[in-house]
Amino acid sequence: MSNDKLSLGVIGASATYGWGMRAHMPAFLGLPEYDLTAVCTTTKRTAEESASRYGARKSYWNYKDLISDPEIDIVDVCIKAPRHYEVVMAALEAGKHVFCEWPLGANSSQSEEMAKLAKEKGVMTMVGLQSRYAPSFQNLKSLVSQGYLGRMITANMTMFLPGITRPRTVKSAWNADKEAGAHALNIATGHALDVFLWSLGELKEVQSIVATQISEWKATDISAITNTVSETKIPVTSPDNIMLIGKLENDALASVHIGSIPYHGTAFRLEVYGTEGTLIVTSDQMVEMVDPILRGAKTGDKEPTIIPHPAEFLWTPKDVPSGVAVNMAQMFRQFATDIKTGKKSDPDFEEAARRHKTLDAVELASDRQGTVVI
């Protein structure tokens, strides 16, 4: 830490594609709390390109070199889910504070190991469940806690995302294998169910169906040498549709359907009904991408109307571009405060491990074809 800024190293800081380029980098660069010390990609050429684009003083193409740099306070892990475990564990062993994208691990066992090591090392952690930091979800949680709904009766959430049958190459179809951890249960359901339960109350029992409705993907590749086209059929074990019903700890009933579907997805919608009010949250994108629209109505109102969030729920500076960087910047700014003050905020790795356990319960209920008490 120098000049009261936190020295940051980003693993997965591509200058040309990916979530790091779209969200992490513009968020970090717009915040005064961070000094971008180093970036890391997979080759010397791309690492140097990224350092030049983002203004980092150092470039690495082996994550171990970045982690071992004594100047770096925080490691940001923004790479494919199957590699989270090895990179995060190495960063924790080196005593670094760590931010990691969601899912924390490919499974709950990996997540528990990471949470355990972080606690042993006494470092600060945070995981990218950024919907919690969207101003309108902050407002939703606040209104619920203030009693806007009266007694909560029931809540429903859907998110339908198109593209499950989109064109692919063999290389890009790595997530067909469930063991890679990058599927609709871990990612889409993980993000949506997390903010649903964080806002409204945790599940205490659940029944579910976790299904792979599209069991085969078609991949098309073109040879760079012969220019011939080859098609490959790839078996899929990753789930793409998750449905659940359950009861929250406050005894409200809940129903959820998260689906990766071929075309014309309607994106995100959450409805919650109480004895004294109704709250509705909608977005035309995946739930974690941007700040959604919150509408509400009290008893006697003709229809729900937009409820603007109070200014206190948006704490990113104007230098952060609008769009997907905002929710990330909200989190990153809170993480910087946590590190400087020593006061922990959720979602840290322990909270992430608990959320992985929630997803385990959803899957177990599907496997047993019965109710699982959480």
Protein backbone atom coordinates (compact mmCIF):
# COMPACT_ATOMS: atom_id res chain seq x y z
CA MET A 1 0.00 0.00 0.00
CA SER A 2 1.46 3.33 -1.06
CA ASN A 3 0.09 6.87 -0.87
CA ASP A 4 -3.02 5.42 0.81
CA LYS A 5 -3.80 3.50 -2.39
CA LEU A 6 -4.09 -0.27 -2.51
CA SER A 7 -1.65 -1.94 -4.86
CA LEU A 8 -3.67 -4.15 -7.21
CA GLY A 9 -2.76 -7.08 -9.44
CA VAL A 10 -5.40 -8.39 -11.86
CA ILE A 11 -5.23 -11.95 -13.18
CA GLY A 12 -7.37 -12.18 -16.30
CA ALA A 13 -6.94 -8.59 -17.48
CA SER A 14 -7.38 -9.14 -21.21
CA ALA A 15 -7.34 -6.02 -23.38
CA THR A 16 -9.53 -7.60 -26.06
CA TYR A 17 -12.29 -9.76 -24.53
CA GLY A 18 -13.94 -11.12 -21.42
CA TRP A 19 -15.56 -9.99 -18.21
CA GLY A 20 -12.35 -8.47 -16.94
CA MET A 21 -12.20 -6.07 -19.87
CA ARG A 22 -15.94 -5.29 -19.74
CA ALA A 23 -16.44 -4.80 -16.01
CA HIS A 24 -13.45 -5.25 -13.70
CA MET A 25 -10.98 -2.96 -15.42
CA PRO A 26 -13.27 0.05 -16.02
CA ALA A 27 -14.50 -0.27 -12.43
CA PHE A 28 -11.01 -0.37 -10.90
CA LEU A 29 -9.71 2.43 -13.13
CA GLY A 30 -12.58 4.69 -12.06
CA LEU A 31 -11.91 4.30 -8.33
CA PRO A 32 -9.41 6.44 -6.40
CA GLU A 33 -8.68 3.72 -3.82
CA TYR A 34 -6.65 1.50 -6.15
CA ASP A 35 -3.28 1.69 -7.87
CA LEU A 36 -3.14 -0.76 -10.80
CA THR A 37 0.32 -2.20 -10.23
CA ALA A 38 0.26 -5.29 -12.45
CA VAL A 39 -1.81 -7.28 -14.91
CA CYS A 40 -1.51 -10.92 -15.90
CA THR A 41 -2.67 -12.78 -19.00
CA THR A 42 -1.50 -16.02 -20.61
CA THR A 43 1.23 -14.73 -22.94
CA LYS A 44 3.96 -12.08 -22.85
CA ARG A 45 2.48 -10.26 -25.83
CA THR A 46 -1.06 -10.01 -24.45
CA ALA A 47 0.20 -9.11 -20.97
CA GLU A 48 2.23 -6.21 -22.35
CA GLU A 49 -0.73 -5.09 -24.47
CA SER A 50 -2.96 -5.10 -21.40
CA ALA A 51 -0.42 -3.18 -19.32
CA SER A 52 -0.20 -0.56 -22.04
CA ARG A 53 -3.96 -0.24 -22.43
CA TYR A 54 -4.78 -0.05 -18.73
CA GLY A 55 -1.71 1.83 -17.51
CA ALA A 56 -0.30 -0.92 -15.30
CA ARG A 57 3.35 -0.58 -14.33
CA LYS A 58 4.08 -4.30 -14.58
CA SER A 59 2.97 -7.18 -16.80
CA TYR A 60 3.07 -10.90 -16.07
CA TRP A 61 2.15 -13.98 -18.08
CA ASN A 62 2.47 -16.45 -15.21
CA TYR A 63 0.06 -15.86 -12.35
CA LYS A 64 2.60 -17.16 -9.83
CA ASP A 65 4.93 -14.27 -10.67
CA LEU A 66 2.20 -11.72 -10.02
CA ILE A 67 1.22 -13.36 -6.75
CA SER A 68 4.84 -13.40 -5.54
CA ASP A 69 5.31 -9.68 -6.26
CA PRO A 70 5.79 -8.13 -2.78
CA GLU A 71 4.42 -4.79 -3.94
CA ILE A 72 0.93 -6.18 -4.54
CA ASP A 73 -1.66 -5.98 -1.75
CA ILE A 74 -4.71 -7.37 -3.56
CA VAL A 75 -5.11 -10.05 -6.21
CA ASP A 76 -8.20 -9.91 -8.42
CA VAL A 77 -9.00 -13.31 -9.97
CA CYS A 78 -11.09 -12.86 -13.11
CA ILE A 79 -10.55 -16.07 -15.09
CA LYS A 80 -12.57 -19.17 -16.03
CA ALA A 81 -14.21 -20.94 -13.10
CA PRO A 82 -12.23 -24.22 -13.36
CA ARG A 83 -9.00 -22.33 -12.54
CA HIS A 84 -10.28 -20.27 -9.61
CA TYR A 85 -9.21 -22.82 -7.01
CA GLU A 86 -5.53 -23.13 -7.91
CA VAL A 87 -5.00 -19.41 -8.42
CA VAL A 88 -6.94 -18.27 -5.35
CA MET A 89 -5.25 -20.83 -3.10
CA ALA A 90 -1.83 -19.65 -4.28
CA ALA A 91 -2.76 -16.00 -3.63
CA LEU A 92 -4.04 -16.82 -0.16
CA GLU A 93 -0.91 -18.82 0.67
CA ALA A 94 1.09 -15.72 -0.26
CA GLY A 95 -0.93 -13.67 2.24
CA LYS A 96 -2.72 -11.50 -0.32
CA HIS A 97 -6.19 -10.06 -0.01
CA VAL A 98 -8.27 -11.69 -2.74
CA PHE A 99 -11.29 -10.77 -4.84
CA CYS A 100 -12.58 -13.68 -6.93
CA GLU A 101 -15.31 -13.92 -9.49
CA TRP A 102 -18.36 -16.11 -8.86
CA PRO A 103 -18.55 -19.06 -8.63
CA LEU A 104 -15.81 -19.11 -6.04
CA GLY A 105 -14.97 -22.74 -6.83
CA ALA A 106 -16.14 -25.37 -9.27
CA ASN A 107 -17.93 -26.97 -6.30
CA SER A 108 -18.65 -26.40 -2.62
CA SER A 109 -15.67 -28.45 -1.43
CA GLN A 110 -13.23 -26.14 -3.22
CA SER A 111 -15.07 -23.10 -1.88
CA GLU A 112 -14.89 -24.36 1.70
CA GLU A 113 -11.13 -24.95 1.36
CA MET A 114 -10.61 -21.41 0.10
CA ALA A 115 -12.72 -19.93 2.88
CA LYS A 116 -10.83 -21.95 5.48
CA LEU A 117 -7.42 -20.88 4.21
CA ALA A 118 -8.44 -17.21 3.99
CA LYS A 119 -9.52 -17.32 7.63
CA GLU A 120 -6.26 -19.00 8.67
CA LYS A 121 -4.22 -16.36 6.83
CA GLY A 122 -6.22 -13.48 8.28
CA VAL A 123 -6.73 -11.78 4.91
CA MET A 124 -9.78 -9.99 3.52
CA THR A 125 -11.78 -11.62 0.74
CA MET A 126 -14.77 -10.85 -1.43
CA VAL A 127 -16.56 -12.80 -4.17
CA GLY A 128 -18.33 -11.40 -7.22
CA LEU A 129 -21.99 -11.70 -6.24
CA GLN A 130 -22.35 -8.09 -7.30
CA SER A 131 -26.14 -7.93 -7.56
CA ARG A 132 -26.15 -7.28 -3.81
CA TYR A 133 -24.42 -3.98 -4.53
CA ALA A 134 -26.83 -2.79 -7.23
CA PRO A 135 -28.54 0.31 -5.79
CA SER A 136 -32.04 -0.96 -6.52
CA PHE A 137 -31.39 -4.30 -4.81
CA GLN A 138 -29.95 -2.42 -1.85
CA ASN A 139 -33.21 -0.48 -1.83
CA LEU A 140 -35.31 -3.66 -2.16
CA LYS A 141 -33.62 -5.21 0.86
CA SER A 142 -34.07 -1.98 2.84
CA LEU A 143 -37.78 -1.69 2.00
CA VAL A 144 -38.40 -5.32 2.94
CA SER A 145 -36.62 -4.87 6.28
CA GLN A 146 -38.60 -1.67 6.96
CA GLY A 147 -41.89 -3.54 6.55
CA TYR A 148 -43.01 -2.17 3.17
CA LEU A 149 -44.67 -5.51 2.37
CA GLY A 150 -46.25 -6.11 5.74
CA ARG A 151 -46.06 -9.87 6.26
CA MET A 152 -44.41 -11.46 3.25
CA ILE A 153 -46.71 -14.05 1.66
CA THR A 154 -45.03 -15.29 -1.49
CA ALA A 155 -42.26 -14.48 -3.97
CA ASN A 156 -41.51 -15.59 -7.50
CA MET A 157 -38.40 -15.14 -9.64
CA THR A 158 -37.68 -16.07 -13.25
CA MET A 159 -34.69 -15.49 -15.50
CA PHE A 160 -34.65 -16.84 -19.05
CA LEU A 161 -31.41 -16.29 -20.95
CA PRO A 162 -31.11 -17.10 -24.67
CA GLY A 163 -28.16 -18.70 -26.43
CA ILE A 164 -27.92 -22.31 -25.24
CA THR A 165 -27.91 -23.49 -28.89
CA ARG A 166 -25.66 -20.69 -30.18
CA PRO A 167 -22.80 -21.48 -32.60
CA ARG A 168 -19.67 -22.74 -30.82
CA THR A 169 -16.18 -24.01 -31.51
CA VAL A 170 -14.86 -27.11 -29.78
CA LYS A 171 -12.51 -24.94 -27.71
CA SER A 172 -15.33 -22.67 -26.51
CA ALA A 173 -17.52 -25.62 -25.49
CA TRP A 174 -15.39 -26.46 -22.44
CA ASN A 175 -18.31 -25.72 -20.11
CA ALA A 176 -20.41 -28.57 -21.52
CA ASP A 177 -18.86 -30.69 -18.78
CA LYS A 178 -20.64 -30.16 -15.47
CA GLU A 179 -17.41 -30.73 -13.54
CA ALA A 180 -16.02 -27.46 -14.97
CA GLY A 181 -18.49 -25.65 -12.70
CA ALA A 182 -19.60 -23.06 -15.27
CA HIS A 183 -23.25 -23.96 -15.80
CA ALA A 184 -26.73 -22.60 -15.15
CA LEU A 185 -26.94 -23.94 -11.59
CA ASN A 186 -23.65 -22.43 -10.44
CA ILE A 187 -23.63 -19.20 -12.43
CA ALA A 188 -27.10 -18.00 -13.49
CA THR A 189 -28.93 -19.57 -10.56
CA GLY A 190 -26.10 -18.75 -8.18
CA HIS A 191 -26.26 -15.05 -9.01
CA ALA A 192 -30.06 -14.80 -9.10
CA LEU A 193 -30.82 -16.98 -6.09
CA ASP A 194 -28.19 -15.21 -4.01
CA VAL A 195 -29.73 -11.76 -4.38
CA PHE A 196 -33.24 -13.22 -4.05
CA LEU A 197 -32.42 -14.83 -0.70
CA TRP A 198 -30.22 -11.96 0.50
CA SER A 199 -33.07 -9.51 -0.11
CA LEU A 200 -36.03 -11.56 1.07
CA GLY A 201 -34.78 -14.20 3.51
CA GLU A 202 -32.98 -17.53 3.34
CA LEU A 203 -34.51 -20.85 2.29
CA LYS A 204 -35.39 -23.31 5.02
CA GLU A 205 -36.72 -26.09 2.75
CA VAL A 206 -36.72 -26.75 -0.97
CA GLN A 207 -37.96 -29.06 -3.72
CA SER A 208 -36.42 -28.77 -7.18
CA ILE A 209 -35.73 -30.01 -10.68
CA VAL A 210 -32.18 -29.53 -11.99
CA ALA A 211 -32.18 -30.59 -15.63
CA THR A 212 -30.11 -30.69 -18.79
CA GLN A 213 -32.73 -30.02 -21.44
CA ILE A 214 -30.24 -29.61 -24.29
CA SER A 215 -28.04 -32.70 -24.00
CA GLU A 216 -25.88 -32.09 -27.06
CA TRP A 217 -24.15 -29.04 -28.51
CA LYS A 218 -23.00 -28.68 -32.10
CA ALA A 219 -19.54 -27.20 -32.53
CA THR A 220 -18.20 -25.93 -35.86
CA ASP A 221 -14.52 -25.34 -36.58
CA ILE A 222 -12.72 -24.11 -39.70
CA SER A 223 -9.19 -25.37 -40.37
CA ALA A 224 -6.65 -22.56 -40.68
CA ILE A 225 -4.60 -24.75 -43.03
CA THR A 226 -7.16 -26.36 -45.35
CA ASN A 227 -10.07 -23.97 -44.77
CA THR A 228 -12.33 -27.00 -44.38
CA VAL A 229 -15.28 -27.00 -42.02
CA SER A 230 -15.72 -29.71 -39.42
CA GLU A 231 -18.70 -30.27 -37.18
CA THR A 232 -18.56 -32.02 -33.81
CA LYS A 233 -21.38 -33.15 -31.56
CA ILE A 234 -20.49 -32.53 -27.92
CA PRO A 235 -22.33 -34.35 -25.13
CA VAL A 236 -23.55 -32.01 -22.41
CA THR A 237 -23.77 -32.80 -18.70
CA SER A 238 -24.07 -29.21 -17.48
CA PRO A 239 -27.58 -28.35 -16.25
CA ASP A 240 -29.38 -25.62 -18.16
CA ASN A 241 -32.77 -25.35 -16.40
CA ILE A 242 -33.38 -25.12 -12.67
CA MET A 243 -36.82 -24.95 -11.08
CA LEU A 244 -37.49 -24.84 -7.36
CA ILE A 245 -40.24 -24.27 -4.87
CA GLY A 246 -39.66 -23.80 -1.20
CA LYS A 247 -40.32 -21.97 2.01
CA LEU A 248 -38.26 -19.09 3.34
CA GLU A 249 -37.25 -18.68 6.98
CA ASN A 250 -40.00 -16.08 7.33
CA ASP A 251 -42.53 -18.73 6.12
CA ALA A 252 -43.15 -17.00 2.79
CA LEU A 253 -43.47 -19.36 -0.17
CA ALA A 254 -40.95 -19.09 -2.99
CA SER A 255 -40.82 -20.30 -6.58
CA VAL A 256 -37.90 -19.88 -8.98
CA HIS A 257 -37.19 -20.87 -12.58
CA ILE A 258 -33.81 -20.07 -14.11
CA GLY A 259 -33.42 -21.26 -17.70
CA SER A 260 -30.81 -21.19 -20.43
CA ILE A 261 -33.03 -21.40 -23.49
CA PRO A 262 -32.46 -21.27 -27.27
CA TYR A 263 -34.07 -17.95 -28.25
CA HIS A 264 -36.08 -14.90 -27.12
CA GLY A 265 -35.28 -14.97 -23.44
CA THR A 266 -37.25 -12.50 -21.32
CA ALA A 267 -34.37 -11.97 -18.85
CA PHE A 268 -35.04 -11.21 -15.18
CA ARG A 269 -38.19 -10.68 -13.14
CA LEU A 270 -38.79 -10.89 -9.38
CA GLU A 271 -42.18 -10.39 -7.72
CA VAL A 272 -42.81 -10.38 -3.97
CA TYR A 273 -46.23 -10.00 -2.36
CA GLY A 274 -47.15 -9.16 1.21
CA THR A 275 -50.19 -8.25 3.28
CA GLU A 276 -49.54 -4.53 2.81
CA GLY A 277 -47.57 -4.14 -0.40
CA THR A 278 -46.04 -5.49 -3.59
CA LEU A 279 -42.49 -5.11 -4.94
CA ILE A 280 -41.39 -6.01 -8.47
CA VAL A 281 -37.84 -5.99 -9.87
CA THR A 282 -37.10 -6.30 -13.59
CA SER A 283 -34.09 -6.20 -15.88
CA ASP A 284 -33.60 -6.83 -19.58
CA GLN A 285 -30.24 -8.50 -18.85
CA MET A 286 -28.77 -11.13 -16.54
CA VAL A 287 -29.51 -10.10 -12.97
CA GLU A 288 -25.90 -9.24 -12.07
CA MET A 289 -25.18 -7.06 -15.09
CA VAL A 290 -26.81 -3.70 -14.39
CA ASP A 291 -28.97 -1.93 -11.82
CA PRO A 292 -32.53 -3.21 -12.31
CA ILE A 293 -35.82 -1.31 -12.16
CA LEU A 294 -37.72 -1.51 -8.85
CA ARG A 295 -41.47 -0.91 -8.75
CA GLY A 296 -43.80 -1.02 -5.79
CA ALA A 297 -47.35 -0.46 -4.65
CA LYS A 298 -48.96 -0.24 -1.23
CA THR A 299 -52.48 -1.31 -0.32
CA GLY A 300 -54.89 1.00 -2.12
CA ASP A 301 -52.49 2.07 -4.89
CA LYS A 302 -53.83 1.54 -8.39
CA GLU A 303 -50.66 -0.10 -9.75
CA PRO A 304 -46.94 -0.46 -8.98
CA THR A 305 -44.79 2.55 -9.88
CA ILE A 306 -41.04 3.02 -10.13
CA ILE A 307 -39.27 3.52 -6.81
CA PRO A 308 -36.00 5.44 -7.26
CA HIS A 309 -33.17 4.36 -5.00
CA PRO A 310 -31.97 6.81 -2.33
CA ALA A 311 -28.65 8.51 -3.11
CA GLU A 312 -26.99 6.65 -0.23
CA PHE A 313 -27.16 3.38 -2.18
CA LEU A 314 -24.93 4.61 -5.02
CA TRP A 315 -21.36 5.34 -3.94
CA THR A 316 -19.38 5.05 -7.15
CA PRO A 317 -17.70 8.19 -8.52
CA LYS A 318 -18.62 9.66 -11.88
CA ASP A 319 -15.36 8.34 -13.35
CA VAL A 320 -16.89 4.84 -13.38
CA PRO A 321 -18.69 4.34 -16.71
CA SER A 322 -22.38 3.44 -16.65
CA GLY A 323 -23.44 -0.15 -17.33
CA VAL A 324 -21.84 -3.36 -16.13
CA ALA A 325 -18.94 -1.63 -14.35
CA VAL A 326 -21.19 0.06 -11.77
CA ASN A 327 -22.16 -2.94 -9.63
CA MET A 328 -18.55 -4.12 -9.71
CA ALA A 329 -17.27 -0.69 -8.67
CA GLN A 330 -19.74 -0.65 -5.79
CA MET A 331 -18.23 -3.92 -4.55
CA PHE A 332 -14.61 -2.92 -5.17
CA ARG A 333 -15.06 0.32 -3.27
CA GLN A 334 -16.54 -1.52 -0.29
CA PHE A 335 -13.70 -4.05 -0.46
CA ALA A 336 -11.14 -1.25 -0.29
CA THR A 337 -12.90 0.16 2.78
CA ASP A 338 -12.89 -3.27 4.41
CA ILE A 339 -9.16 -3.71 3.87
CA LYS A 340 -8.33 -0.26 5.23
CA THR A 341 -10.61 -0.53 8.27
CA GLY A 342 -10.33 -4.26 8.97
CA LYS A 343 -14.12 -4.55 9.06
CA LYS A 344 -15.44 -7.43 6.96
CA SER A 345 -18.37 -7.11 4.54
CA ASP A 346 -20.28 -9.83 2.74
CA PRO A 347 -20.11 -11.61 0.43
CA ASP A 348 -16.71 -12.86 1.57
CA PHE A 349 -15.40 -16.37 0.95
CA GLU A 350 -17.24 -17.80 3.96
CA GLU A 351 -20.50 -16.38 2.66
CA ALA A 352 -19.71 -17.72 -0.81
CA ALA A 353 -19.09 -21.20 0.59
CA ARG A 354 -22.48 -21.05 2.32
CA ARG A 355 -24.15 -20.05 -0.94
CA HIS A 356 -22.49 -23.00 -2.70
CA LYS A 357 -24.10 -25.16 0.02
CA THR A 358 -27.48 -23.65 -0.87
CA LEU A 359 -26.96 -24.77 -4.46
CA ASP A 360 -25.94 -28.22 -3.20
CA ALA A 361 -29.28 -28.43 -1.37
CA VAL A 362 -31.14 -27.47 -4.56
CA GLU A 363 -29.34 -30.20 -6.48
CA LEU A 364 -29.85 -32.75 -3.71
CA ALA A 365 -33.59 -32.05 -3.68
CA SER A 366 -33.66 -32.75 -7.42
CA ASP A 367 -31.68 -35.98 -7.05
CA ARG A 368 -33.91 -37.21 -4.22
CA GLN A 369 -37.11 -35.98 -5.86
CA GLY A 370 -38.24 -34.73 -2.48
CA THR A 371 -37.94 -31.97 0.10
CA VAL A 372 -34.57 -31.02 1.53
CA VAL A 373 -34.46 -29.10 4.80
CA ILE A 374 -31.62 -26.56 4.81
